[in-house]
Amino acid sequence: AILEKNKIQWTNKKVIEVVSNRNGTLKELVFDDKTTQQVNHIYLKPKTTYQIQWGVALGCKQDEQKRHLITDEFMQTSEKGIYAVGDISSQSMGQIVWSINSGMMAGVAINRDLVNASFVNQ
């Protein structure tokens, strides 16, 4: 209803080809039933899945939606020594910059753990 109010057409048809003009602007969509539709813009809602199965197999806890591994602020999972960074972390903000930062935070935590372990073992 909101889309219709804003004069935005939508479809659930499967798009098999996006056709552009020579200058790269959108021209039309070709659907799997061979029909076409002229377009100037397209909006997509892709389904995103995160590959967390290894972490789960190692015993790491998942969030309620079973999309992310639960992590603390240093990307430590529920299993000692296992870290999850980027989009698979429950801390994820879905941004590349955040993903890079999460890797740095995990690196800091891993370094801290290794330093602490060497002091304890001597």
Foldseek 3Di string as FASTA:
>chain_A
DVCVVVVHDDDPFAFPDFDADPVGFTAWTQGPVRDIDGDRDDDDDDDDADPCVVVVVVPFPAPPVNRAGEADPLQDTPDPPDGDAEPRYPVHPNDPVRRVVSVVSVVVVVVVVVVVVVVVVD
